[in-house]
N, C-alpha and C. Protein backbone atom coordinates (compact mmCIF):
# COMPACT_ATOMS: atom_id res chain seq x y z
N MET A 1 -44.01 -14.96 -15.91
CA MET A 1 -43.00 -13.97 -16.22
C MET A 1 -42.83 -13.77 -17.72
N GLU A 2 -43.13 -14.81 -18.49
CA GLU A 2 -42.82 -14.76 -19.92
C GLU A 2 -43.45 -13.55 -20.61
N ARG A 3 -44.68 -13.22 -20.28
CA ARG A 3 -45.34 -12.10 -20.97
C ARG A 3 -44.74 -10.75 -20.59
N TYR A 4 -43.99 -10.68 -19.50
CA TYR A 4 -43.39 -9.42 -19.05
C TYR A 4 -41.92 -9.29 -19.46
N THR A 5 -41.33 -10.36 -19.99
CA THR A 5 -39.90 -10.37 -20.27
C THR A 5 -39.51 -9.30 -21.28
N ARG A 6 -40.17 -9.23 -22.41
CA ARG A 6 -39.79 -8.26 -23.44
C ARG A 6 -39.91 -6.82 -22.94
N PRO A 7 -41.05 -6.40 -22.35
CA PRO A 7 -41.11 -5.02 -21.87
C PRO A 7 -40.05 -4.70 -20.81
N LEU A 8 -39.75 -5.66 -19.95
CA LEU A 8 -38.74 -5.41 -18.93
C LEU A 8 -37.35 -5.34 -19.53
N LEU A 9 -37.08 -6.14 -20.56
CA LEU A 9 -35.79 -6.05 -21.24
C LEU A 9 -35.65 -4.71 -21.98
N ILE A 10 -36.73 -4.22 -22.54
CA ILE A 10 -36.70 -2.90 -23.18
C ILE A 10 -36.38 -1.83 -22.14
N PHE A 11 -37.01 -1.92 -20.99
CA PHE A 11 -36.74 -1.00 -19.89
C PHE A 11 -35.26 -1.08 -19.49
N CYS A 12 -34.73 -2.31 -19.34
CA CYS A 12 -33.32 -2.48 -18.98
C CYS A 12 -32.40 -1.92 -20.06
N HIS A 13 -32.76 -2.10 -21.31
CA HIS A 13 -31.95 -1.57 -22.42
C HIS A 13 -31.82 -0.06 -22.30
N ALA A 14 -32.93 0.60 -22.01
CA ALA A 14 -32.90 2.06 -21.88
C ALA A 14 -32.02 2.50 -20.72
N ILE A 15 -32.08 1.80 -19.61
CA ILE A 15 -31.29 2.18 -18.44
C ILE A 15 -29.81 1.87 -18.63
N VAL A 16 -29.49 0.67 -19.12
CA VAL A 16 -28.10 0.24 -19.27
C VAL A 16 -27.34 1.19 -20.20
N ARG A 17 -28.01 1.74 -21.17
CA ARG A 17 -27.32 2.62 -22.12
C ARG A 17 -27.06 4.00 -21.52
N ARG A 18 -27.65 4.33 -20.37
CA ARG A 18 -27.49 5.67 -19.80
C ARG A 18 -26.84 5.67 -18.42
N GLU A 19 -26.87 4.56 -17.74
CA GLU A 19 -26.40 4.49 -16.35
C GLU A 19 -25.36 3.39 -16.20
N ASP A 20 -24.64 3.44 -15.11
CA ASP A 20 -23.70 2.38 -14.77
C ASP A 20 -24.48 1.26 -14.09
N VAL A 21 -25.04 0.37 -14.91
CA VAL A 21 -25.93 -0.68 -14.44
C VAL A 21 -25.44 -2.02 -14.97
N GLU A 22 -25.48 -3.01 -14.11
CA GLU A 22 -25.21 -4.38 -14.52
C GLU A 22 -26.55 -5.11 -14.58
N THR A 23 -26.73 -5.95 -15.60
CA THR A 23 -27.99 -6.64 -15.79
C THR A 23 -27.75 -8.13 -15.99
N PHE A 24 -28.51 -8.92 -15.25
CA PHE A 24 -28.46 -10.37 -15.33
C PHE A 24 -29.88 -10.88 -15.48
N VAL A 25 -30.03 -12.01 -16.12
CA VAL A 25 -31.32 -12.70 -16.13
C VAL A 25 -31.09 -14.09 -15.56
N PHE A 26 -32.14 -14.65 -15.00
CA PHE A 26 -32.03 -16.01 -14.49
C PHE A 26 -33.33 -16.74 -14.73
N SER A 27 -33.17 -18.00 -14.95
CA SER A 27 -34.27 -18.94 -15.00
C SER A 27 -33.76 -20.15 -14.24
N THR A 28 -33.21 -21.11 -14.95
CA THR A 28 -32.57 -22.21 -14.24
C THR A 28 -31.10 -21.92 -13.98
N ARG A 29 -30.57 -20.87 -14.62
CA ARG A 29 -29.19 -20.44 -14.36
C ARG A 29 -29.08 -18.94 -14.60
N LEU A 30 -27.97 -18.38 -14.18
CA LEU A 30 -27.74 -16.94 -14.26
C LEU A 30 -26.97 -16.61 -15.53
N THR A 31 -27.38 -15.54 -16.23
CA THR A 31 -26.68 -15.09 -17.43
C THR A 31 -26.52 -13.58 -17.36
N ARG A 32 -25.29 -13.10 -17.51
CA ARG A 32 -25.03 -11.66 -17.54
C ARG A 32 -25.33 -11.15 -18.95
N ILE A 33 -26.15 -10.10 -19.04
CA ILE A 33 -26.55 -9.58 -20.35
C ILE A 33 -26.21 -8.10 -20.52
N THR A 34 -25.44 -7.53 -19.61
CA THR A 34 -25.13 -6.10 -19.65
C THR A 34 -24.55 -5.70 -21.01
N ARG A 35 -23.52 -6.38 -21.45
CA ARG A 35 -22.85 -6.03 -22.71
C ARG A 35 -23.82 -6.12 -23.89
N LEU A 36 -24.69 -7.11 -23.87
CA LEU A 36 -25.64 -7.29 -24.97
C LEU A 36 -26.64 -6.13 -25.03
N LEU A 37 -27.05 -5.64 -23.87
CA LEU A 37 -28.03 -4.55 -23.83
C LEU A 37 -27.42 -3.19 -24.16
N ARG A 38 -26.10 -3.10 -24.22
CA ARG A 38 -25.47 -1.82 -24.55
C ARG A 38 -25.48 -1.53 -26.05
N ARG A 39 -25.91 -2.49 -26.84
CA ARG A 39 -26.04 -2.23 -28.29
C ARG A 39 -27.03 -1.09 -28.50
N ARG A 40 -26.74 -0.25 -29.43
CA ARG A 40 -27.61 0.89 -29.72
C ARG A 40 -28.96 0.43 -30.27
N ASP A 41 -28.94 -0.53 -31.18
CA ASP A 41 -30.16 -1.02 -31.83
C ASP A 41 -30.92 -1.96 -30.89
N LEU A 42 -32.10 -1.57 -30.47
CA LEU A 42 -32.89 -2.34 -29.51
C LEU A 42 -33.20 -3.74 -30.02
N ASP A 43 -33.67 -3.86 -31.24
CA ASP A 43 -34.04 -5.17 -31.77
C ASP A 43 -32.85 -6.12 -31.81
N ARG A 44 -31.70 -5.62 -32.23
CA ARG A 44 -30.49 -6.45 -32.25
C ARG A 44 -30.09 -6.86 -30.84
N ALA A 45 -30.20 -5.92 -29.90
CA ALA A 45 -29.87 -6.22 -28.51
C ALA A 45 -30.76 -7.33 -27.98
N LEU A 46 -32.06 -7.23 -28.23
CA LEU A 46 -32.99 -8.25 -27.74
C LEU A 46 -32.76 -9.59 -28.43
N GLU A 47 -32.42 -9.57 -29.72
CA GLU A 47 -32.09 -10.81 -30.42
C GLU A 47 -30.86 -11.46 -29.80
N ASP A 48 -29.86 -10.65 -29.49
CA ASP A 48 -28.64 -11.17 -28.87
C ASP A 48 -28.92 -11.79 -27.50
N VAL A 49 -29.77 -11.13 -26.73
CA VAL A 49 -30.14 -11.66 -25.42
C VAL A 49 -30.85 -12.99 -25.59
N THR A 50 -31.80 -13.06 -26.50
CA THR A 50 -32.56 -14.29 -26.72
C THR A 50 -31.63 -15.43 -27.13
N ARG A 51 -30.64 -15.14 -27.98
CA ARG A 51 -29.69 -16.17 -28.41
C ARG A 51 -28.77 -16.61 -27.26
N SER A 52 -28.45 -15.69 -26.37
CA SER A 52 -27.49 -15.98 -25.30
C SER A 52 -28.10 -16.65 -24.08
N VAL A 53 -29.39 -16.43 -23.86
CA VAL A 53 -30.06 -17.00 -22.70
C VAL A 53 -30.82 -18.24 -23.17
N HIS A 54 -30.30 -19.39 -22.79
CA HIS A 54 -30.82 -20.65 -23.31
C HIS A 54 -31.96 -21.23 -22.49
N ASP A 55 -32.29 -20.59 -21.38
CA ASP A 55 -33.27 -21.22 -20.50
C ASP A 55 -34.46 -20.33 -20.18
N PHE A 56 -34.80 -19.40 -21.10
CA PHE A 56 -36.02 -18.63 -20.90
C PHE A 56 -37.19 -19.60 -20.79
N SER A 57 -38.10 -19.32 -19.89
CA SER A 57 -39.31 -20.13 -19.69
C SER A 57 -39.01 -21.54 -19.24
N GLY A 58 -37.87 -21.73 -18.58
CA GLY A 58 -37.52 -23.06 -18.11
C GLY A 58 -37.82 -23.28 -16.65
N GLY A 59 -38.57 -22.38 -16.04
CA GLY A 59 -38.77 -22.45 -14.60
C GLY A 59 -37.63 -21.74 -13.91
N THR A 60 -37.81 -21.37 -12.66
CA THR A 60 -36.74 -20.64 -11.99
C THR A 60 -36.23 -21.37 -10.77
N ARG A 61 -34.96 -21.19 -10.56
CA ARG A 61 -34.27 -21.63 -9.35
C ARG A 61 -33.57 -20.39 -8.81
N ILE A 62 -34.33 -19.57 -8.12
CA ILE A 62 -33.86 -18.26 -7.70
C ILE A 62 -32.67 -18.36 -6.76
N GLY A 63 -32.77 -19.24 -5.78
CA GLY A 63 -31.67 -19.39 -4.82
C GLY A 63 -30.37 -19.78 -5.49
N GLU A 64 -30.43 -20.70 -6.44
CA GLU A 64 -29.22 -21.13 -7.15
C GLU A 64 -28.64 -19.99 -7.98
N ALA A 65 -29.52 -19.22 -8.64
CA ALA A 65 -29.04 -18.08 -9.42
C ALA A 65 -28.40 -17.03 -8.52
N LEU A 66 -29.02 -16.76 -7.37
CA LEU A 66 -28.45 -15.79 -6.43
C LEU A 66 -27.13 -16.30 -5.85
N HIS A 67 -27.05 -17.60 -5.60
CA HIS A 67 -25.80 -18.19 -5.11
C HIS A 67 -24.67 -17.93 -6.12
N GLU A 68 -24.95 -18.20 -7.39
CA GLU A 68 -23.93 -17.96 -8.42
C GLU A 68 -23.58 -16.48 -8.48
N PHE A 69 -24.58 -15.61 -8.43
CA PHE A 69 -24.31 -14.17 -8.45
C PHE A 69 -23.44 -13.77 -7.27
N ASN A 70 -23.82 -14.19 -6.07
CA ASN A 70 -23.07 -13.81 -4.87
C ASN A 70 -21.62 -14.28 -4.91
N HIS A 71 -21.39 -15.47 -5.43
CA HIS A 71 -20.03 -16.02 -5.42
C HIS A 71 -19.20 -15.64 -6.65
N ARG A 72 -19.85 -15.34 -7.75
CA ARG A 72 -19.09 -15.04 -8.97
C ARG A 72 -19.05 -13.55 -9.32
N TRP A 73 -20.13 -12.83 -9.02
CA TRP A 73 -20.25 -11.46 -9.52
C TRP A 73 -20.34 -10.36 -8.47
N ALA A 74 -20.84 -10.66 -7.30
CA ALA A 74 -21.16 -9.61 -6.31
C ALA A 74 -19.99 -8.68 -6.02
N ARG A 75 -18.82 -9.22 -5.78
CA ARG A 75 -17.67 -8.36 -5.47
C ARG A 75 -17.31 -7.45 -6.63
N ARG A 76 -17.53 -7.90 -7.84
CA ARG A 76 -17.18 -7.11 -9.03
C ARG A 76 -18.18 -6.00 -9.32
N VAL A 77 -19.46 -6.24 -9.02
CA VAL A 77 -20.49 -5.30 -9.51
C VAL A 77 -21.27 -4.58 -8.41
N LEU A 78 -21.04 -4.91 -7.15
CA LEU A 78 -21.83 -4.29 -6.11
C LEU A 78 -21.08 -3.21 -5.32
N GLY A 79 -20.04 -2.68 -5.89
CA GLY A 79 -19.30 -1.63 -5.20
C GLY A 79 -20.13 -0.37 -5.02
N HIS A 80 -19.70 0.46 -4.10
CA HIS A 80 -20.30 1.78 -3.87
C HIS A 80 -21.77 1.72 -3.48
N GLY A 81 -22.15 0.70 -2.74
CA GLY A 81 -23.52 0.64 -2.21
C GLY A 81 -24.57 0.53 -3.29
N ALA A 82 -24.47 -0.46 -4.11
CA ALA A 82 -25.39 -0.64 -5.23
C ALA A 82 -26.83 -0.88 -4.77
N VAL A 83 -27.74 -0.42 -5.58
CA VAL A 83 -29.15 -0.76 -5.43
C VAL A 83 -29.38 -2.00 -6.31
N VAL A 84 -29.91 -3.04 -5.71
CA VAL A 84 -30.14 -4.29 -6.43
C VAL A 84 -31.64 -4.43 -6.66
N ILE A 85 -32.00 -4.72 -7.90
CA ILE A 85 -33.40 -4.93 -8.25
C ILE A 85 -33.55 -6.35 -8.78
N VAL A 86 -34.38 -7.12 -8.12
CA VAL A 86 -34.72 -8.48 -8.57
C VAL A 86 -36.11 -8.40 -9.18
N VAL A 87 -36.25 -8.92 -10.38
CA VAL A 87 -37.55 -8.95 -11.03
C VAL A 87 -37.96 -10.42 -11.15
N SER A 88 -38.99 -10.79 -10.41
CA SER A 88 -39.44 -12.17 -10.43
C SER A 88 -40.85 -12.26 -9.88
N ASP A 89 -41.59 -13.23 -10.37
CA ASP A 89 -42.93 -13.47 -9.81
C ASP A 89 -42.87 -14.34 -8.57
N GLY A 90 -41.68 -14.83 -8.23
CA GLY A 90 -41.52 -15.62 -7.02
C GLY A 90 -41.85 -17.09 -7.16
N TRP A 91 -42.31 -17.49 -8.35
CA TRP A 91 -42.55 -18.92 -8.58
C TRP A 91 -41.19 -19.57 -8.72
N ASP A 92 -40.89 -20.51 -7.85
CA ASP A 92 -39.54 -21.05 -7.76
C ASP A 92 -39.58 -22.57 -7.64
N ARG A 93 -38.70 -23.22 -8.39
CA ARG A 93 -38.60 -24.68 -8.32
C ARG A 93 -37.47 -25.11 -7.42
N GLY A 94 -36.77 -24.15 -6.84
CA GLY A 94 -35.59 -24.46 -6.02
C GLY A 94 -35.90 -24.61 -4.55
N ASP A 95 -34.85 -24.53 -3.77
CA ASP A 95 -34.88 -24.76 -2.34
C ASP A 95 -35.10 -23.43 -1.59
N PRO A 96 -36.24 -23.25 -0.90
CA PRO A 96 -36.51 -21.99 -0.20
C PRO A 96 -35.44 -21.59 0.82
N PRO A 97 -34.89 -22.53 1.62
CA PRO A 97 -33.81 -22.11 2.53
C PRO A 97 -32.58 -21.56 1.80
N LEU A 98 -32.25 -22.12 0.64
CA LEU A 98 -31.13 -21.59 -0.15
C LEU A 98 -31.47 -20.19 -0.64
N LEU A 99 -32.68 -20.00 -1.12
CA LEU A 99 -33.11 -18.67 -1.58
C LEU A 99 -33.00 -17.66 -0.44
N ARG A 100 -33.49 -18.03 0.73
CA ARG A 100 -33.43 -17.13 1.90
C ARG A 100 -31.98 -16.79 2.26
N ARG A 101 -31.13 -17.80 2.29
CA ARG A 101 -29.72 -17.59 2.65
C ARG A 101 -29.01 -16.69 1.64
N GLU A 102 -29.20 -16.96 0.35
CA GLU A 102 -28.49 -16.18 -0.67
C GLU A 102 -29.07 -14.78 -0.81
N LEU A 103 -30.38 -14.65 -0.65
CA LEU A 103 -30.98 -13.31 -0.70
C LEU A 103 -30.52 -12.50 0.52
N GLY A 104 -30.38 -13.15 1.67
CA GLY A 104 -29.85 -12.47 2.85
C GLY A 104 -28.44 -11.97 2.62
N ARG A 105 -27.61 -12.79 1.99
CA ARG A 105 -26.23 -12.37 1.66
C ARG A 105 -26.25 -11.18 0.70
N LEU A 106 -27.10 -11.25 -0.30
CA LEU A 106 -27.21 -10.15 -1.26
C LEU A 106 -27.71 -8.88 -0.57
N HIS A 107 -28.68 -9.03 0.31
CA HIS A 107 -29.25 -7.90 1.05
C HIS A 107 -28.17 -7.19 1.88
N ARG A 108 -27.29 -7.96 2.50
CA ARG A 108 -26.21 -7.37 3.30
C ARG A 108 -25.18 -6.65 2.44
N SER A 109 -25.05 -7.03 1.18
CA SER A 109 -24.05 -6.43 0.29
C SER A 109 -24.55 -5.20 -0.43
N ALA A 110 -25.85 -4.99 -0.44
CA ALA A 110 -26.45 -3.91 -1.22
C ALA A 110 -26.89 -2.76 -0.32
N HIS A 111 -26.96 -1.58 -0.91
CA HIS A 111 -27.53 -0.43 -0.20
C HIS A 111 -29.04 -0.61 -0.05
N ARG A 112 -29.67 -1.14 -1.08
CA ARG A 112 -31.11 -1.32 -1.08
C ARG A 112 -31.44 -2.52 -1.96
N LEU A 113 -32.36 -3.35 -1.51
CA LEU A 113 -32.79 -4.51 -2.27
C LEU A 113 -34.27 -4.34 -2.60
N ILE A 114 -34.55 -4.22 -3.88
CA ILE A 114 -35.91 -3.99 -4.38
C ILE A 114 -36.34 -5.22 -5.16
N TRP A 115 -37.55 -5.70 -4.87
CA TRP A 115 -38.09 -6.85 -5.60
C TRP A 115 -39.28 -6.34 -6.41
N LEU A 116 -39.21 -6.51 -7.73
CA LEU A 116 -40.32 -6.17 -8.62
C LEU A 116 -41.02 -7.45 -9.02
N ASN A 117 -42.33 -7.48 -8.81
CA ASN A 117 -43.11 -8.66 -9.14
C ASN A 117 -44.26 -8.25 -10.06
N PRO A 118 -44.25 -8.73 -11.31
CA PRO A 118 -45.33 -8.38 -12.23
C PRO A 118 -46.71 -8.78 -11.74
N LEU A 119 -46.80 -9.81 -10.95
CA LEU A 119 -48.11 -10.27 -10.47
C LEU A 119 -48.66 -9.37 -9.36
N LYS A 120 -47.80 -8.62 -8.70
CA LYS A 120 -48.24 -7.79 -7.58
C LYS A 120 -49.29 -6.76 -8.03
N GLY A 121 -49.25 -6.35 -9.26
CA GLY A 121 -50.22 -5.39 -9.77
C GLY A 121 -51.56 -6.00 -10.15
N THR A 122 -51.70 -7.31 -9.99
CA THR A 122 -52.92 -8.01 -10.34
C THR A 122 -53.90 -7.98 -9.17
N GLU A 123 -55.14 -7.68 -9.48
CA GLU A 123 -56.16 -7.65 -8.43
C GLU A 123 -56.24 -8.99 -7.71
N GLY A 124 -56.24 -8.94 -6.39
CA GLY A 124 -56.34 -10.13 -5.58
C GLY A 124 -55.03 -10.87 -5.36
N TYR A 125 -53.94 -10.36 -5.91
CA TYR A 125 -52.65 -11.04 -5.73
C TYR A 125 -52.22 -11.06 -4.27
N GLU A 126 -51.72 -12.20 -3.84
CA GLU A 126 -51.10 -12.32 -2.52
C GLU A 126 -49.78 -13.08 -2.70
N PRO A 127 -48.72 -12.62 -2.07
CA PRO A 127 -47.39 -13.23 -2.24
C PRO A 127 -47.23 -14.52 -1.43
N VAL A 128 -47.90 -15.58 -1.85
CA VAL A 128 -47.89 -16.81 -1.07
C VAL A 128 -47.05 -17.93 -1.69
N THR A 129 -46.50 -17.72 -2.88
CA THR A 129 -45.63 -18.76 -3.45
C THR A 129 -44.44 -18.93 -2.53
N ARG A 130 -43.84 -20.10 -2.57
CA ARG A 130 -42.75 -20.36 -1.62
C ARG A 130 -41.55 -19.45 -1.87
N GLY A 131 -41.31 -19.06 -3.11
CA GLY A 131 -40.22 -18.13 -3.39
C GLY A 131 -40.48 -16.75 -2.80
N MET A 132 -41.70 -16.25 -2.98
CA MET A 132 -42.03 -14.93 -2.43
C MET A 132 -42.07 -14.98 -0.91
N ALA A 133 -42.60 -16.05 -0.36
CA ALA A 133 -42.66 -16.17 1.10
C ALA A 133 -41.26 -16.16 1.70
N ALA A 134 -40.31 -16.80 1.02
CA ALA A 134 -38.93 -16.82 1.50
C ALA A 134 -38.26 -15.46 1.33
N ALA A 135 -38.60 -14.75 0.27
CA ALA A 135 -37.91 -13.50 -0.07
C ALA A 135 -38.42 -12.28 0.68
N LEU A 136 -39.71 -12.18 0.87
CA LEU A 136 -40.29 -10.93 1.39
C LEU A 136 -39.66 -10.39 2.66
N PRO A 137 -39.33 -11.21 3.65
CA PRO A 137 -38.73 -10.63 4.85
C PRO A 137 -37.37 -9.96 4.61
N LEU A 138 -36.76 -10.24 3.47
CA LEU A 138 -35.40 -9.74 3.20
C LEU A 138 -35.34 -8.57 2.23
N VAL A 139 -36.46 -8.18 1.65
CA VAL A 139 -36.42 -7.09 0.68
C VAL A 139 -36.80 -5.77 1.34
N ASP A 140 -36.20 -4.70 0.84
CA ASP A 140 -36.51 -3.37 1.36
C ASP A 140 -37.79 -2.82 0.75
N ASP A 141 -37.99 -3.10 -0.52
CA ASP A 141 -39.17 -2.58 -1.22
C ASP A 141 -39.73 -3.69 -2.10
N PHE A 142 -41.05 -3.87 -2.05
CA PHE A 142 -41.74 -4.88 -2.85
C PHE A 142 -42.75 -4.14 -3.71
N LEU A 143 -42.46 -4.07 -5.02
CA LEU A 143 -43.26 -3.26 -5.94
C LEU A 143 -43.79 -4.08 -7.09
N ALA A 144 -44.85 -3.59 -7.70
CA ALA A 144 -45.39 -4.19 -8.93
C ALA A 144 -44.46 -3.86 -10.10
N ALA A 145 -44.58 -4.63 -11.16
CA ALA A 145 -43.84 -4.37 -12.39
C ALA A 145 -44.66 -4.86 -13.56
N ASN A 146 -45.92 -4.42 -13.61
CA ASN A 146 -46.82 -4.95 -14.63
C ASN A 146 -47.25 -3.92 -15.66
N ASN A 147 -46.85 -2.65 -15.48
CA ASN A 147 -47.24 -1.63 -16.45
C ASN A 147 -46.32 -0.41 -16.32
N LEU A 148 -46.54 0.60 -17.16
CA LEU A 148 -45.68 1.78 -17.13
C LEU A 148 -45.80 2.55 -15.82
N GLU A 149 -46.98 2.57 -15.24
CA GLU A 149 -47.16 3.27 -13.96
C GLU A 149 -46.30 2.64 -12.88
N SER A 150 -46.21 1.31 -12.87
CA SER A 150 -45.40 0.66 -11.85
C SER A 150 -43.91 0.95 -12.06
N LEU A 151 -43.48 1.03 -13.32
CA LEU A 151 -42.09 1.39 -13.58
C LEU A 151 -41.83 2.85 -13.23
N ASP A 152 -42.83 3.70 -13.40
CA ASP A 152 -42.72 5.09 -12.98
C ASP A 152 -42.56 5.16 -11.45
N GLU A 153 -43.31 4.33 -10.74
CA GLU A 153 -43.17 4.27 -9.27
C GLU A 153 -41.75 3.86 -8.89
N LEU A 154 -41.19 2.89 -9.61
CA LEU A 154 -39.81 2.49 -9.37
C LEU A 154 -38.87 3.67 -9.60
N GLY A 155 -39.08 4.40 -10.68
CA GLY A 155 -38.24 5.56 -10.97
C GLY A 155 -38.29 6.60 -9.85
N ARG A 156 -39.49 6.85 -9.34
CA ARG A 156 -39.63 7.81 -8.22
C ARG A 156 -38.88 7.31 -6.99
N LEU A 157 -39.01 6.02 -6.70
CA LEU A 157 -38.30 5.46 -5.56
C LEU A 157 -36.79 5.61 -5.73
N LEU A 158 -36.29 5.24 -6.88
CA LEU A 158 -34.84 5.33 -7.12
C LEU A 158 -34.36 6.78 -7.02
N GLY A 159 -35.16 7.70 -7.54
CA GLY A 159 -34.82 9.12 -7.47
C GLY A 159 -34.82 9.68 -6.07
N SER A 160 -35.56 9.05 -5.17
CA SER A 160 -35.67 9.56 -3.80
C SER A 160 -34.61 9.01 -2.86
N LEU A 161 -33.84 8.01 -3.31
CA LEU A 161 -32.86 7.39 -2.41
C LEU A 161 -31.73 8.34 -2.09
N GLU A 162 -31.30 8.30 -0.85
CA GLU A 162 -30.15 9.09 -0.42
C GLU A 162 -28.87 8.48 -0.98
N SER A 163 -27.75 9.06 -0.62
CA SER A 163 -26.46 8.56 -1.11
C SER A 163 -26.35 7.07 -0.83
N ARG A 164 -25.71 6.40 -1.72
CA ARG A 164 -25.63 4.94 -1.65
C ARG A 164 -24.38 4.50 -0.92
N VAL A 165 -24.57 4.03 0.28
CA VAL A 165 -23.47 3.58 1.11
C VAL A 165 -23.75 2.15 1.53
N ASN A 166 -22.72 1.29 1.50
CA ASN A 166 -22.93 -0.10 1.92
C ASN A 166 -23.43 -0.16 3.35
N ARG A 167 -24.20 -1.21 3.65
CA ARG A 167 -24.73 -1.41 4.99
C ARG A 167 -23.62 -1.72 5.96
C-alpha cells in the first residue's frame, strides 16, 4: 500500500475540498484526516497528514480499525445513506472474524460499500489474502485503485449511483 498512499491522498484531497466527504486512514489504528485534507495547499495538507498519522507502514489491523470506526464515528458520518469506500490491499495482521463482523456492520449502515485494492489492477492478482477473503462477500463493488484509469472507473460508478438511501 505504501507506494499508493500519496496518489490516493492527493485524490482524497481533491474530493474532500469539493464534496461532503469524511476521510480516515488506518494501519494499526484509525485516524480521521478530513480536516487536514481541507487545507487549500496540497503539500501542507499532506505534511499535516504525515505528522498526524503515526503508524503509516505499520501493518494493518482492518477489523480493529473498522470496529473503532463503527463505534466511534459511524453514527456521526454515515447519515443519508453514505457511500463508503475502503482502500486496502487486504493484507491484514488482525483477526479475520472481527474484520468480517465489523465490515458486515459497516455494510448494513451504508448505501454502498466499495473496496478499492491497488493490487487488483496487477496482472495475475487473486484476492486470496485472509483480509480480502474475509471482506469480499460483504462488499458491493471490488475495484482496482492502481492508476488514473481505475480512479476514473470509480468516478463513473459513483456518478451512476441512484439516490442514496440507507439499507
